[in-house]
C-alpha atoms as a PDB file:
ATOM      1  CA  MET A   1      84.327  35.420 -12.473  1.00  0.00           C
ATOM      2  CA  GLN A   2      86.462  38.511 -12.720  1.00  0.00           C
ATOM      3  CA  SER A   3      90.246  39.218 -11.714  1.00  0.00           C
ATOM      4  CA  HIS A   4      91.335  41.371  -8.553  1.00  0.00           C
ATOM      5  CA  ILE A   5      94.840  41.896 -10.036  1.00  0.00           C
ATOM      6  CA  GLY A   6      95.802  45.209 -11.179  1.00  0.00           C
ATOM      7  CA  LYS A   7      93.470  46.752  -8.796  1.00  0.00           C
ATOM      8  CA  LYS A   8      94.128  49.136  -6.037  1.00  0.00           C
ATOM      9  CA  GLY A   9      91.427  49.917  -3.414  1.00  0.00           C
ATOM     10  CA  VAL A  10      91.177  53.611  -1.832  1.00  0.00           C
ATOM     11  CA  THR A  11      93.454  53.519   1.240  1.00  0.00           C
ATOM     12  CA  VAL A  12      93.292  57.396   3.969  1.00  0.00           C
ATOM     13  CA  LYS A  13      96.465  58.107   1.817  1.00  0.00           C
ATOM     14  CA  ASP A  14      94.830  58.708  -1.116  1.00  0.00           C
ATOM     15  CA  ILE A  15      91.481  60.835   0.416  1.00  0.00           C
ATOM     16  CA  PRO A  16      92.264  64.774   1.071  1.00  0.00           C
ATOM     17  CA  ALA A  17      93.359  64.745   5.106  1.00  0.00           C
ATOM     18  CA  ASP A  18      90.313  67.593   5.727  1.00  0.00           C
ATOM     19  CA  VAL A  19      87.610  65.457   3.662  1.00  0.00           C
ATOM     20  CA  PHE A  20      88.338  62.448   5.645  1.00  0.00           C
ATOM     21  CA  ILE A  21      89.084  64.188   8.877  1.00  0.00           C
ATOM     22  CA  THR A  22      85.433  65.995   8.602  1.00  0.00           C
ATOM     23  CA  THR A  23      83.795  62.741   7.648  1.00  0.00           C
ATOM     24  CA  LEU A  24      85.731  60.066  10.125  1.00  0.00           C
ATOM     25  CA  ALA A  25      84.228  62.833  13.319  1.00  0.00           C
ATOM     26  CA  GLY A  26      81.150  62.710  12.009  1.00  0.00           C
ATOM     27  CA  HIS A  27      80.924  59.483  12.514  1.00  0.00           C
ATOM     28  CA  PHE A  28      82.986  59.124  15.698  1.00  0.00           C
ATOM     29  CA  LYS A  29      80.281  61.249  16.625  1.00  0.00           C
ATOM     30  CA  LYS A  30      77.336  58.781  15.452  1.00  0.00           C
ATOM     31  CA  SER A  31      79.493  56.201  17.119  1.00  0.00           C
ATOM     32  CA  ASP A  32      79.342  55.351  21.342  1.00  0.00           C
ATOM     33  CA  HIS A  33      83.152  54.631  20.606  1.00  0.00           C
ATOM     34  CA  ILE A  34      84.958  58.320  21.229  1.00  0.00           C
ATOM     35  CA  VAL A  35      82.844  60.304  23.311  1.00  0.00           C
ATOM     36  CA  MET A  36      83.750  63.468  24.777  1.00  0.00           C
ATOM     37  CA  PRO A  37      84.198  63.686  28.370  1.00  0.00           C
ATOM     38  CA  ALA A  38      82.565  66.225  30.567  1.00  0.00           C
ATOM     39  CA  TRP A  39      85.650  68.257  31.529  1.00  0.00           C
ATOM     40  CA  GLY A  40      85.655  68.714  27.215  1.00  0.00           C
ATOM     41  CA  ASP A  41      83.384  72.003  26.936  1.00  0.00           C
ATOM     42  CA  TYR A  42      85.649  73.644  29.065  1.00  0.00           C
ATOM     43  CA  CYS A  43      89.188  72.622  28.292  1.00  0.00           C
ATOM     44  CA  LYS A  44      92.197  74.386  26.653  1.00  0.00           C
ATOM     45  CA  THR A  45      93.675  71.732  24.247  1.00  0.00           C
ATOM     46  CA  ALA A  46      97.264  73.741  24.637  1.00  0.00           C
ATOM     47  CA  CYS A  47      99.092  75.238  27.556  1.00  0.00           C
ATOM     48  CA  TYR A  48      99.329  79.035  25.655  1.00  0.00           C
ATOM     49  CA  LYS A  49      95.584  78.930  24.341  1.00  0.00           C
ATOM     50  CA  GLN A  50      93.293  81.499  26.322  1.00  0.00           C
ATOM     51  CA  LEU A  51      89.899  79.541  25.298  1.00  0.00           C
ATOM     52  CA  ALA A  52      88.679  77.169  25.049  1.00  0.00           C
ATOM     53  CA  PRO A  53      87.491  75.592  21.120  1.00  0.00           C
ATOM     54  CA  ALA A  54      84.450  77.776  19.679  1.00  0.00           C
ATOM     55  CA  ASN A  55      83.310  74.505  17.483  1.00  0.00           C
ATOM     56  CA  PRO A  56      81.497  72.300  19.640  1.00  0.00           C
ATOM     57  CA  ASP A  57      82.605  68.664  18.156  1.00  0.00           C
ATOM     58  CA  TRP A  58      86.398  69.972  18.464  1.00  0.00           C
ATOM     59  CA  TYR A  59      87.012  66.724  20.512  1.00  0.00           C
ATOM     60  CA  PHE A  60      85.713  64.306  17.405  1.00  0.00           C
ATOM     61  CA  ILE A  61      88.028  66.240  14.983  1.00  0.00           C
ATOM     62  CA  ARG A  62      91.027  65.707  16.873  1.00  0.00           C
ATOM     63  CA  ALA A  63      90.030  62.589  17.467  1.00  0.00           C
ATOM     64  CA  ALA A  64      89.905  61.480  13.351  1.00  0.00           C
ATOM     65  CA  SER A  65      93.396  63.528  12.628  1.00  0.00           C
ATOM     66  CA  ILE A  66      94.758  61.436  15.752  1.00  0.00           C
ATOM     67  CA  ALA A  67      93.443  58.431  14.169  1.00  0.00           C
ATOM     68  CA  ARG A  68      94.908  59.512  10.495  1.00  0.00           C
ATOM     69  CA  LYS A  69      98.098  60.329  11.976  1.00  0.00           C
ATOM     70  CA  ILE A  70      98.386  57.309  14.006  1.00  0.00           C
ATOM     71  CA  TYR A  71      97.190  55.543  10.198  1.00  0.00           C
ATOM     72  CA  ILE A  72      99.725  57.453   8.131  1.00  0.00           C
ATOM     73  CA  ARG A  73     102.864  56.621  10.590  1.00  0.00           C
ATOM     74  CA  ASP A  74     102.819  53.449  12.594  1.00  0.00           C
ATOM     75  CA  GLY A  75     104.534  53.962  16.042  1.00  0.00           C
ATOM     76  CA  THR A  76     103.537  58.051  16.711  1.00  0.00           C
ATOM     77  CA  GLY A  77     103.027  57.959  20.898  1.00  0.00           C
ATOM     78  CA  ILE A  78     101.741  60.372  22.844  1.00  0.00           C
ATOM     79  CA  GLY A  79     105.077  63.224  22.746  1.00  0.00           C
ATOM     80  CA  SER A  80     104.984  63.233  19.198  1.00  0.00           C
ATOM     81  CA  LEU A  81     101.677  63.932  19.219  1.00  0.00           C
ATOM     82  CA  LYS A  82     102.033  66.169  21.773  1.00  0.00           C
ATOM     83  CA  GLU A  83     104.748  68.470  19.377  1.00  0.00           C
ATOM     84  CA  VAL A  84     102.584  68.371  16.298  1.00  0.00           C
ATOM     85  CA  TYR A  85      99.445  69.565  17.614  1.00  0.00           C
ATOM     86  CA  GLY A  86     101.614  72.028  19.252  1.00  0.00           C
ATOM     87  CA  THR A  87     102.709  75.905  17.929  1.00  0.00           C
ATOM     88  CA  SER A  88     105.128  78.315  18.205  1.00  0.00           C
ATOM     89  CA  VAL A  89     103.665  81.697  20.873  1.00  0.00           C
ATOM     90  CA  ASP A  90     104.052  84.585  20.204  1.00  0.00           C
ATOM     91  CA  ASN A  91     105.463  86.216  23.753  1.00  0.00           C
ATOM     92  CA  GLY A  92     104.900  90.117  23.001  1.00  0.00           C
ATOM     93  CA  VAL A  93     108.024  91.590  22.606  1.00  0.00           C
ATOM     94  CA  MET A  94     109.799  87.979  23.739  1.00  0.00           C
ATOM     95  CA  PRO A  95     111.415  85.882  21.046  1.00  0.00           C
ATOM     96  CA  ARG A  96     108.341  83.439  19.723  1.00  0.00           C
ATOM     97  CA  HIS A  97     109.440  79.939  21.484  1.00  0.00           C
ATOM     98  CA  PHE A  98     107.387  76.618  20.719  1.00  0.00           C
ATOM     99  CA  ARG A  99     104.757  75.350  23.127  1.00  0.00           C
ATOM    100  CA  GLU A 100     103.549  71.358  23.165  1.00  0.00           C
ATOM    101  CA  ALA A 101      99.804  70.382  22.956  1.00  0.00           C
ATOM    102  CA  SER A 102      97.797  69.522  26.201  1.00  0.00           C
ATOM    103  CA  GLY A 103      98.898  65.607  26.403  1.00  0.00           C
ATOM    104  CA  LYS A 104      95.504  64.888  28.371  1.00  0.00           C
ATOM    105  CA  ILE A 105      93.573  65.331  25.721  1.00  0.00           C
ATOM    106  CA  ILE A 106      95.653  63.084  23.572  1.00  0.00           C
ATOM    107  CA  ARG A 107      96.088  60.469  26.257  1.00  0.00           C
ATOM    108  CA  THR A 108      91.995  60.378  26.416  1.00  0.00           C
ATOM    109  CA  ILE A 109      91.461  60.100  22.612  1.00  0.00           C
ATOM    110  CA  VAL A 110      94.598  57.355  22.365  1.00  0.00           C
ATOM    111  CA  HIS A 111      92.750  55.052  24.541  1.00  0.00           C
ATOM    112  CA  GLN A 112      89.475  55.580  23.219  1.00  0.00           C
ATOM    113  CA  LEU A 113      90.504  54.774  20.233  1.00  0.00           C
ATOM    114  CA  GLU A 114      92.123  51.659  21.685  1.00  0.00           C
ATOM    115  CA  LYS A 115      89.097  50.837  23.460  1.00  0.00           C
ATOM    116  CA  ALA A 116      87.276  51.220  20.109  1.00  0.00           C
ATOM    117  CA  LYS A 117      89.205  48.457  19.034  1.00  0.00           C
ATOM    118  CA  LEU A 118      91.233  50.941  16.031  1.00  0.00           C
ATOM    119  CA  VAL A 119      94.752  51.428  17.417  1.00  0.00           C
ATOM    120  CA  GLU A 120      96.773  48.648  19.534  1.00  0.00           C
ATOM    121  CA  PRO A 121     100.165  49.558  21.002  1.00  0.00           C
ATOM    122  CA  VAL A 122     103.540  48.998  19.279  1.00  0.00           C
ATOM    123  CA  PRO A 123     105.187  45.391  20.879  1.00  0.00           C
ATOM    124  CA  GLY A 124     108.437  45.485  21.814  1.00  0.00           C
ATOM    125  CA  ARG A 125     108.524  49.289  22.157  1.00  0.00           C
ATOM    126  CA  ASN A 126     108.211  51.754  25.187  1.00  0.00           C
ATOM    127  CA  GLY A 127     105.161  53.611  23.534  1.00  0.00           C
ATOM    128  CA  GLY A 128     103.962  54.440  20.258  1.00  0.00           C
ATOM    129  CA  ARG A 129     100.989  52.949  18.502  1.00  0.00           C
ATOM    130  CA  ARG A 130      99.887  51.656  15.349  1.00  0.00           C
ATOM    131  CA  VAL A 131      96.954  50.975  14.017  1.00  0.00           C
ATOM    132  CA  THR A 132      95.155  47.342  14.077  1.00  0.00           C
ATOM    133  CA  LYS A 133      93.781  45.055  11.352  1.00  0.00           C
ATOM    134  CA  GLN A 134      90.370  45.830  12.139  1.00  0.00           C
ATOM    135  CA  GLY A 135      91.005  49.662  12.497  1.00  0.00           C
ATOM    136  CA  ARG A 136      92.865  50.038   9.236  1.00  0.00           C
ATOM    137  CA  GLY A 137      89.824  48.347   7.447  1.00  0.00           C
ATOM    138  CA  ASP A 138      86.874  50.615   9.279  1.00  0.00           C
ATOM    139  CA  LEU A 139      89.041  53.266   8.101  1.00  0.00           C
ATOM    140  CA  ASP A 140      89.894  52.393   4.232  1.00  0.00           C
ATOM    141  CA  ARG A 141      86.170  51.488   4.343  1.00  0.00           C
ATOM    142  CA  ILE A 142      85.150  55.028   5.276  1.00  0.00           C
ATOM    143  CA  ALA A 143      87.929  56.080   2.781  1.00  0.00           C
ATOM    144  CA  SER A 144      86.062  54.154  -0.112  1.00  0.00           C
ATOM    145  CA  GLN A 145      82.679  55.807   0.842  1.00  0.00           C
ATOM    146  CA  ILE A 146      84.326  58.771   0.680  1.00  0.00           C
ATOM    147  CA  ALA A 147      85.531  58.052  -2.490  1.00  0.00           C
ATOM    148  CA  GLN A 148      82.500  56.880  -4.030  1.00  0.00           C
ATOM    149  CA  THR A 149      80.180  59.904  -3.501  1.00  0.00           C
ATOM    150  CA  ALA A 150      82.905  61.673  -5.119  1.00  0.00           C
ATOM    151  CA  LYS A 151      82.952  60.069  -8.181  1.00  0.00           C
END
């Protein structure tokens, strides 16, 4: 019998973010847990944007990124995710100012992640999400698959 003492499994934190997010986005696109809403083709991701995203898979990439952010930091809420995806806006000759990203998109993705049982509200707090036990296992399984293909 083999001993598992001293052996460490691969987690999401061990995989580069861009590789993990693109792999998880592909997984979300194949599954029916994360579905792009009907308005997803023509919506902007923030008030300071002029056009919708050019990548047709942008919704799944954002969902994968949000799932990773919640995995890394428990208790992350919609407001803090709006700040993460926001940026400084060029106002021409006026000074630059920070603008948050769209809350509707982030809220819709978080609700879909909750339906998929990947995240759950943090008990005892007004807002904030954390990864469920099942969600942590699923995300770590995908991370270990990435590590296996890299070898």
